[in-house]
Every structure is written in structure tokens, then in C-alpha cells.
């Protein structure tokens, strides 16, 4: 059975000629699922997927996680 991991996705997007940095932490079974969850969260504010540039996707430990809810669910 697969183990649920915590992924940190870092990327940028452009909106109204400004560049914004985002950092999302999600729990997922695979890197593809984590990327899909993060893109879903970012595009919910009206950003198109083609405007998003992903810079980094990495697995992190629960201690590194800044999101309290995700950290508590992982312990």
C-alpha cells in the first residue's frame, strides 16, 4: 500500500503584469497528484494554468511543513 507524503510546490504566476511567488504544501500519494492539487488551488483565484510556472516540487518531512493542519494529519 502506498504511503501519503507531504509535497511542497513552489512556483510563480503573472497577474496584471505583476509576477507572484506561491508556495503550496499538499498531502498526496504521488508527485503528479500533488501537482494537480496545487494547480487546482492556484487556479481557483482566476489564474490560467498556462500562466503558472512550477519551479520546484519536493517531498518534505512533517517537521518542515508550515501548514499546521497538514502537519497534524501526518503525525
PDB file of N, CA and C in Angstrom:
ATOM      1  N   UNK A   1       0.843  -1.183   0.000  1.00  0.00           N
ATOM      2  CA  UNK A   1       0.000   0.000   0.000  1.00  0.00           C
ATOM      3  C   UNK A   1       0.887   1.245   0.000  1.00  0.00           C
ATOM      4  N   UNK A   2       0.483   2.255  -0.726  1.00  0.00           N
ATOM      5  CA  UNK A   2       1.270   3.479  -0.852  1.00  0.00           C
ATOM      6  C   UNK A   2       1.153   4.352   0.392  1.00  0.00           C
ATOM      7  N   UNK A   3       2.207   5.094   0.620  1.00  0.00           N
ATOM      8  CA  UNK A   3       2.251   5.986   1.772  1.00  0.00           C
ATOM      9  C   UNK A   3       1.965   7.422   1.318  1.00  0.00           C
ATOM     10  N   UNK A   4       1.182   8.132   2.097  1.00  0.00           N
ATOM     11  CA  UNK A   4       0.891   9.524   1.783  1.00  0.00           C
ATOM     12  C   UNK A   4       2.064  10.372   2.235  1.00  0.00           C
ATOM     13  N   UNK A   5       2.557  11.225   1.336  1.00  0.00           N
ATOM     14  CA  UNK A   5       3.699  12.085   1.614  1.00  0.00           C
ATOM     15  C   UNK A   5       3.253  13.540   1.565  1.00  0.00           C
ATOM     16  N   UNK A   6       4.092  14.400   2.095  1.00  0.00           N
ATOM     17  CA  UNK A   6       3.841  15.841   2.031  1.00  0.00           C
ATOM     18  C   UNK A   6       4.751  16.422   0.957  1.00  0.00           C
ATOM     19  N   UNK A   7       4.163  17.155   0.026  1.00  0.00           N
ATOM     20  CA  UNK A   7       4.919  17.780  -1.054  1.00  0.00           C
ATOM     21  C   UNK A   7       4.843  19.295  -0.913  1.00  0.00           C
ATOM     22  N   UNK A   8       5.951  19.956  -1.205  1.00  0.00           N
ATOM     23  CA  UNK A   8       5.973  21.417  -1.274  1.00  0.00           C
ATOM     24  C   UNK A   8       6.184  21.797  -2.733  1.00  0.00           C
ATOM     25  N   UNK A   9       5.234  22.559  -3.274  1.00  0.00           N
ATOM     26  CA  UNK A   9       5.295  23.020  -4.655  1.00  0.00           C
ATOM     27  C   UNK A   9       5.549  24.519  -4.630  1.00  0.00           C
ATOM     28  N   UNK A  10       6.594  24.955  -5.315  1.00  0.00           N
ATOM     29  CA  UNK A  10       6.946  26.363  -5.396  1.00  0.00           C
ATOM     30  C   UNK A  10       6.880  26.771  -6.859  1.00  0.00           C
ATOM     31  N   UNK A  11       6.257  27.912  -7.114  1.00  0.00           N
ATOM     32  CA  UNK A  11       6.140  28.387  -8.485  1.00  0.00           C
ATOM     33  C   UNK A  11       5.791  29.854  -8.541  1.00  0.00           C
ATOM     34  N   UNK A  12       5.604  30.338  -9.755  1.00  0.00           N
ATOM     35  CA  UNK A  12       5.239  31.738  -9.969  1.00  0.00           C
ATOM     36  C   UNK A  12       4.086  31.808 -10.961  1.00  0.00           C
ATOM     37  N   UNK A  13       3.389  32.933 -10.928  1.00  0.00           N
ATOM     38  CA  UNK A  13       2.375  33.215 -11.939  1.00  0.00           C
ATOM     39  C   UNK A  13       2.315  34.719 -12.157  1.00  0.00           C
ATOM     40  N   UNK A  14       1.805  35.108 -13.323  1.00  0.00           N
ATOM     41  CA  UNK A  14       1.653  36.517 -13.646  1.00  0.00           C
ATOM     42  C   UNK A  14       0.185  36.895 -13.609  1.00  0.00           C
ATOM     43  N   UNK A  15      -0.081  38.042 -13.009  1.00  0.00           N
ATOM     44  CA  UNK A  15      -1.437  38.567 -12.974  1.00  0.00           C
ATOM     45  C   UNK A  15      -1.342  40.081 -13.032  1.00  0.00           C
ATOM     46  N   UNK A  16      -1.994  40.677 -14.012  1.00  0.00           N
ATOM     47  CA  UNK A  16      -1.990  42.132 -14.216  1.00  0.00           C
ATOM     48  C   UNK A  16      -0.568  42.689 -14.267  1.00  0.00           C
ATOM     49  N   UNK A  17       0.279  42.048 -15.067  1.00  0.00           N
ATOM     50  CA  UNK A  17       1.657  42.484 -15.324  1.00  0.00           C
ATOM     51  C   UNK A  17       2.542  42.454 -14.091  1.00  0.00           C
ATOM     52  N   UNK A  18       2.166  41.712 -13.066  1.00  0.00           N
ATOM     53  CA  UNK A  18       2.999  41.519 -11.881  1.00  0.00           C
ATOM     54  C   UNK A  18       3.279  40.033 -11.730  1.00  0.00           C
ATOM     55  N   UNK A  19       4.452  39.726 -11.207  1.00  0.00           N
ATOM     56  CA  UNK A  19       4.844  38.342 -11.000  1.00  0.00           C
ATOM     57  C   UNK A  19       4.701  38.011  -9.517  1.00  0.00           C
ATOM     58  N   UNK A  20       4.012  36.912  -9.205  1.00  0.00           N
ATOM     59  CA  UNK A  20       3.765  36.494  -7.838  1.00  0.00           C
ATOM     60  C   UNK A  20       4.397  35.127  -7.595  1.00  0.00           C
ATOM     61  N   UNK A  21       4.954  34.947  -6.413  1.00  0.00           N
ATOM     62  CA  UNK A  21       5.521  33.678  -5.992  1.00  0.00           C
ATOM     63  C   UNK A  21       4.505  32.972  -5.096  1.00  0.00           C
ATOM     64  N   UNK A  22       4.337  31.665  -5.286  1.00  0.00           N
ATOM     65  CA  UNK A  22       3.460  30.921  -4.387  1.00  0.00           C
ATOM     66  C   UNK A  22       4.174  29.675  -3.893  1.00  0.00           C
ATOM     67  N   UNK A  23       3.759  29.229  -2.718  1.00  0.00           N
ATOM     68  CA  UNK A  23       4.292  28.021  -2.096  1.00  0.00           C
ATOM     69  C   UNK A  23       3.113  27.271  -1.502  1.00  0.00           C
ATOM     70  N   UNK A  24       2.865  26.073  -1.990  1.00  0.00           N
ATOM     71  CA  UNK A  24       1.750  25.254  -1.514  1.00  0.00           C
ATOM     72  C   UNK A  24       2.282  23.947  -0.954  1.00  0.00           C
ATOM     73  N   UNK A  25       1.720  23.539   0.154  1.00  0.00           N
ATOM     74  CA  UNK A  25       2.051  22.245   0.746  1.00  0.00           C
ATOM     75  C   UNK A  25       0.788  21.386   0.718  1.00  0.00           C
ATOM     76  N   UNK A  26       0.930  20.199   0.145  1.00  0.00           N
ATOM     77  CA  UNK A  26      -0.215  19.304  -0.004  1.00  0.00           C
ATOM     78  C   UNK A  26       0.191  17.883   0.357  1.00  0.00           C
ATOM     79  N   UNK A  27      -0.790  17.107   0.779  1.00  0.00           N
ATOM     80  CA  UNK A  27      -0.592  15.682   1.037  1.00  0.00           C
ATOM     81  C   UNK A  27      -1.091  14.919  -0.181  1.00  0.00           C
ATOM     82  N   UNK A  28      -0.270  13.991  -0.676  1.00  0.00           N
ATOM     83  CA  UNK A  28      -0.658  13.227  -1.859  1.00  0.00           C
ATOM     84  C   UNK A  28       0.118  11.913  -1.913  1.00  0.00           C
ATOM     85  N   UNK A  29      -0.370  11.016  -2.747  1.00  0.00           N
ATOM     86  CA  UNK A  29       0.292   9.725  -2.930  1.00  0.00           C
ATOM     87  C   UNK A  29       1.456   9.805  -3.904  1.00  0.00           C
ATOM     88  N   UNK A  30       1.348  10.688  -4.899  1.00  0.00           N
ATOM     89  CA  UNK A  30       2.407  10.809  -5.902  1.00  0.00           C
ATOM     90  C   UNK A  30       2.659  12.274  -6.238  1.00  0.00           C
ATOM     91  N   UNK A  31       3.760  12.499  -6.924  1.00  0.00           N
ATOM     92  CA  UNK A  31       4.129  13.855  -7.330  1.00  0.00           C
ATOM     93  C   UNK A  31       3.095  14.446  -8.289  1.00  0.00           C
ATOM     94  N   UNK A  32       2.555  13.621  -9.179  1.00  0.00           N
ATOM     95  CA  UNK A  32       1.551  14.094 -10.132  1.00  0.00           C
ATOM     96  C   UNK A  32       0.277  14.536  -9.418  1.00  0.00           C
ATOM     97  N   UNK A  33      -0.146  13.761  -8.421  1.00  0.00           N
ATOM     98  CA  UNK A  33      -1.339  14.128  -7.655  1.00  0.00           C
ATOM     99  C   UNK A  33      -1.116  15.410  -6.867  1.00  0.00           C
ATOM    100  N   UNK A  34       0.074  15.570  -6.301  1.00  0.00           N
ATOM    101  CA  UNK A  34       0.395  16.784  -5.549  1.00  0.00           C
ATOM    102  C   UNK A  34       0.377  18.004  -6.459  1.00  0.00           C
ATOM    103  N   UNK A  35       0.933  17.867  -7.651  1.00  0.00           N
ATOM    104  CA  UNK A  35       0.943  18.976  -8.603  1.00  0.00           C
ATOM    105  C   UNK A  35      -0.475  19.355  -9.012  1.00  0.00           C
ATOM    106  N   UNK A  36      -1.310  18.366  -9.237  1.00  0.00           N
ATOM    107  CA  UNK A  36      -2.704  18.620  -9.615  1.00  0.00           C
ATOM    108  C   UNK A  36      -3.454  19.351  -8.503  1.00  0.00           C
ATOM    109  N   UNK A  37      -3.251  18.943  -7.255  1.00  0.00           N
ATOM    110  CA  UNK A  37      -3.904  19.621  -6.125  1.00  0.00           C
ATOM    111  C   UNK A  37      -3.445  21.063  -6.000  1.00  0.00           C
ATOM    112  N   UNK A  38      -2.145  21.296  -6.159  1.00  0.00           N
ATOM    113  CA  UNK A  38      -1.615  22.649  -6.045  1.00  0.00           C
ATOM    114  C   UNK A  38      -2.126  23.540  -7.182  1.00  0.00           C
ATOM    115  N   UNK A  39      -2.146  23.005  -8.391  1.00  0.00           N
ATOM    116  CA  UNK A  39      -2.649  23.783  -9.526  1.00  0.00           C
ATOM    117  C   UNK A  39      -4.130  24.096  -9.354  1.00  0.00           C
ATOM    118  N   UNK A  40      -4.887  23.183  -8.805  1.00  0.00           N
ATOM    119  CA  UNK A  40      -6.302  23.414  -8.557  1.00  0.00           C
ATOM    120  C   UNK A  40      -6.505  24.556  -7.566  1.00  0.00           C
ATOM    121  N   UNK A  41      -5.688  24.583  -6.520  1.00  0.00           N
ATOM    122  CA  UNK A  41      -5.794  25.661  -5.538  1.00  0.00           C
ATOM    123  C   UNK A  41      -5.427  27.016  -6.142  1.00  0.00           C
ATOM    124  N   UNK A  42      -4.367  27.060  -6.929  1.00  0.00           N
ATOM    125  CA  UNK A  42      -3.919  28.329  -7.506  1.00  0.00           C
ATOM    126  C   UNK A  42      -4.896  28.828  -8.574  1.00  0.00           C
ATOM    127  N   UNK A  43      -5.418  27.943  -9.400  1.00  0.00           N
ATOM    128  CA  UNK A  43      -6.321  28.372 -10.466  1.00  0.00           C
ATOM    129  C   UNK A  43      -7.695  28.759  -9.949  1.00  0.00           C
ATOM    130  N   UNK A  44      -7.989  28.482  -8.693  1.00  0.00           N
ATOM    131  CA  UNK A  44      -9.284  28.856  -8.133  1.00  0.00           C
ATOM    132  C   UNK A  44      -9.427  30.366  -7.959  1.00  0.00           C
ATOM    133  N   UNK A  45      -8.331  31.114  -8.050  1.00  0.00           N
ATOM    134  CA  UNK A  45      -8.390  32.580  -7.927  1.00  0.00           C
ATOM    135  C   UNK A  45      -8.421  33.270  -9.284  1.00  0.00           C
ATOM    136  N   UNK A  46      -8.625  32.509 -10.350  1.00  0.00           N
ATOM    137  CA  UNK A  46      -8.777  33.109 -11.666  1.00  0.00           C
ATOM    138  C   UNK A  46      -7.529  33.097 -12.529  1.00  0.00           C
ATOM    139  N   UNK A  47      -6.537  32.328 -12.149  1.00  0.00           N
ATOM    140  CA  UNK A  47      -5.305  32.207 -12.924  1.00  0.00           C
ATOM    141  C   UNK A  47      -5.455  31.020 -13.878  1.00  0.00           C
ATOM    142  N   UNK A  48      -4.979  31.169 -15.099  1.00  0.00           N
ATOM    143  CA  UNK A  48      -4.986  30.056 -16.039  1.00  0.00           C
ATOM    144  C   UNK A  48      -3.746  29.201 -15.836  1.00  0.00           C
ATOM    145  N   UNK A  49      -3.864  27.917 -16.133  1.00  0.00           N
ATOM    146  CA  UNK A  49      -2.725  27.012 -15.936  1.00  0.00           C
ATOM    147  C   UNK A  49      -1.525  27.401 -16.791  1.00  0.00           C
ATOM    148  N   UNK A  50      -1.754  27.956 -17.938  1.00  0.00           N
ATOM    149  CA  UNK A  50      -0.628  28.339 -18.794  1.00  0.00           C
ATOM    150  C   UNK A  50       0.140  29.542 -18.250  1.00  0.00           C
ATOM    151  N   UNK A  51      -0.420  30.259 -17.277  1.00  0.00           N
ATOM    152  CA  UNK A  51       0.255  31.392 -16.655  1.00  0.00           C
ATOM    153  C   UNK A  51       1.133  30.959 -15.484  1.00  0.00           C
ATOM    154  N   UNK A  52       1.089  29.692 -15.109  1.00  0.00           N
ATOM    155  CA  UNK A  52       1.809  29.197 -13.937  1.00  0.00           C
ATOM    156  C   UNK A  52       3.102  28.517 -14.368  1.00  0.00           C
ATOM    157  N   UNK A  53       4.194  28.871 -13.692  1.00  0.00           N
ATOM    158  CA  UNK A  53       5.491  28.228 -13.901  1.00  0.00           C
ATOM    159  C   UNK A  53       5.891  27.543 -12.604  1.00  0.00           C
ATOM    160  N   UNK A  54       6.020  26.230 -12.657  1.00  0.00           N
ATOM    161  CA  UNK A  54       6.424  25.462 -11.478  1.00  0.00           C
ATOM    162  C   UNK A  54       7.949  25.453 -11.426  1.00  0.00           C
ATOM    163  N   UNK A  55       8.507  25.835 -10.273  1.00  0.00           N
ATOM    164  CA  UNK A  55       9.959  25.872 -10.111  1.00  0.00           C
ATOM    165  C   UNK A  55      10.491  24.659  -9.376  1.00  0.00           C
ATOM    166  N   UNK A  56       9.723  24.156  -8.397  1.00  0.00           N
ATOM    167  CA  UNK A  56      10.251  23.065  -7.583  1.00  0.00           C
ATOM    168  C   UNK A  56       9.112  22.243  -6.978  1.00  0.00           C
ATOM    169  N   UNK A  57       9.294  20.938  -6.989  1.00  0.00           N
ATOM    170  CA  UNK A  57       8.392  20.021  -6.291  1.00  0.00           C
ATOM    171  C   UNK A  57       9.279  19.095  -5.486  1.00  0.00           C
ATOM    172  N   UNK A  58       9.074  19.057  -4.165  1.00  0.00           N
ATOM    173  CA  UNK A  58       9.901  18.160  -3.363  1.00  0.00           C
ATOM    174  C   UNK A  58       9.107  17.596  -2.194  1.00  0.00           C
ATOM    175  N   UNK A  59       9.545  16.437  -1.747  1.00  0.00           N
ATOM    176  CA  UNK A  59       8.943  15.782  -0.584  1.00  0.00           C
ATOM    177  C   UNK A  59       9.582  16.386   0.657  1.00  0.00           C
ATOM    178  N   UNK A  60       8.743  16.737   1.639  1.00  0.00           N
ATOM    179  CA  UNK A  60       9.253  17.304   2.885  1.00  0.00           C
ATOM    180  C   UNK A  60       8.763  16.469   4.061  1.00  0.00           C
ATOM    181  N   UNK A  61       9.422  16.632   5.182  1.00  0.00           N
ATOM    182  CA  UNK A  61       9.020  15.914   6.396  1.00  0.00           C
ATOM    183  C   UNK A  61       7.941  16.711   7.117  1.00  0.00           C
ATOM    184  N   UNK A  62       7.184  16.080   8.000  1.00  0.00           N
ATOM    185  CA  UNK A  62       6.158  16.822   8.757  1.00  0.00           C
ATOM    186  C   UNK A  62       6.738  17.963   9.583  1.00  0.00           C
ATOM    187  N   UNK A  63       7.980  17.843  10.039  1.00  0.00           N
ATOM    188  CA  UNK A  63       8.608  18.903  10.822  1.00  0.00           C
ATOM    189  C   UNK A  63       8.880  20.149   9.979  1.00  0.00           C
ATOM    190  N   UNK A  64       9.142  19.973   8.685  1.00  0.00           N
ATOM    191  CA  UNK A  64       9.414  21.099   7.791  1.00  0.00           C
ATOM    192  C   UNK A  64       8.136  21.817   7.350  1.00  0.00           C
ATOM    193  N   UNK A  65       7.013  21.162   7.477  1.00  0.00           N
ATOM    194  CA  UNK A  65       5.747  21.699   6.994  1.00  0.00           C
ATOM    195  C   UNK A  65       5.305  22.901   7.823  1.00  0.00           C
ATOM    196  N   UNK A  66       4.915  23.973   7.162  1.00  0.00           N
ATOM    197  CA  UNK A  66       4.474  25.180   7.840  1.00  0.00           C
ATOM    198  C   UNK A  66       2.963  25.200   8.064  1.00  0.00           C
ATOM    199  N   UNK A  67       2.216  24.375   7.330  1.00  0.00           N
ATOM    200  CA  UNK A  67       0.770  24.297   7.466  1.00  0.00           C
ATOM    201  C   UNK A  67       0.415  23.400   8.652  1.00  0.00           C
ATOM    202  N   UNK A  68      -0.199  23.980   9.658  1.00  0.00           N
ATOM    203  CA  UNK A  68      -0.499  23.272  10.911  1.00  0.00           C
ATOM    204  C   UNK A  68      -1.389  22.056  10.672  1.00  0.00           C
ATOM    205  N   UNK A  69      -2.432  22.196   9.871  1.00  0.00           N
ATOM    206  CA  UNK A  69      -3.371  21.102   9.644  1.00  0.00           C
ATOM    207  C   UNK A  69      -2.688  19.918   8.965  1.00  0.00           C
ATOM    208  N   UNK A  70      -1.899  20.182   7.956  1.00  0.00           N
ATOM    209  CA  UNK A  70      -1.192  19.105   7.248  1.00  0.00           C
ATOM    210  C   UNK A  70      -0.201  18.433   8.184  1.00  0.00           C
ATOM    211  N   UNK A  71       0.492  19.212   8.995  1.00  0.00           N
ATOM    212  CA  UNK A  71       1.463  18.652   9.934  1.00  0.00           C
ATOM    213  C   UNK A  71       0.776  17.735  10.946  1.00  0.00           C
ATOM    214  N   UNK A  72      -0.364  18.163  11.480  1.00  0.00           N
ATOM    215  CA  UNK A  72      -1.090  17.343  12.458  1.00  0.00           C
ATOM    216  C   UNK A  72      -1.664  16.078  11.844  1.00  0.00           C
ATOM    217  N   UNK A  73      -2.125  16.149  10.599  1.00  0.00           N
ATOM    218  CA  UNK A  73      -2.676  14.966   9.939  1.00  0.00           C
ATOM    219  C   UNK A  73      -1.596  13.932   9.630  1.00  0.00           C
ATOM    220  N   UNK A  74      -0.364  14.371   9.495  1.00  0.00           N
ATOM    221  CA  UNK A  74       0.723  13.486   9.127  1.00  0.00           C
ATOM    222  C   UNK A  74       1.361  12.765  10.309  1.00  0.00           C
ATOM    223  N   UNK A  75       1.062  13.186  11.501  1.00  0.00           N
ATOM    224  CA  UNK A  75       1.688  12.552  12.673  1.00  0.00           C
ATOM    225  C   UNK A  75       0.844  11.425  13.215  1.00  0.00           C
TER     226      UNK A  75
END
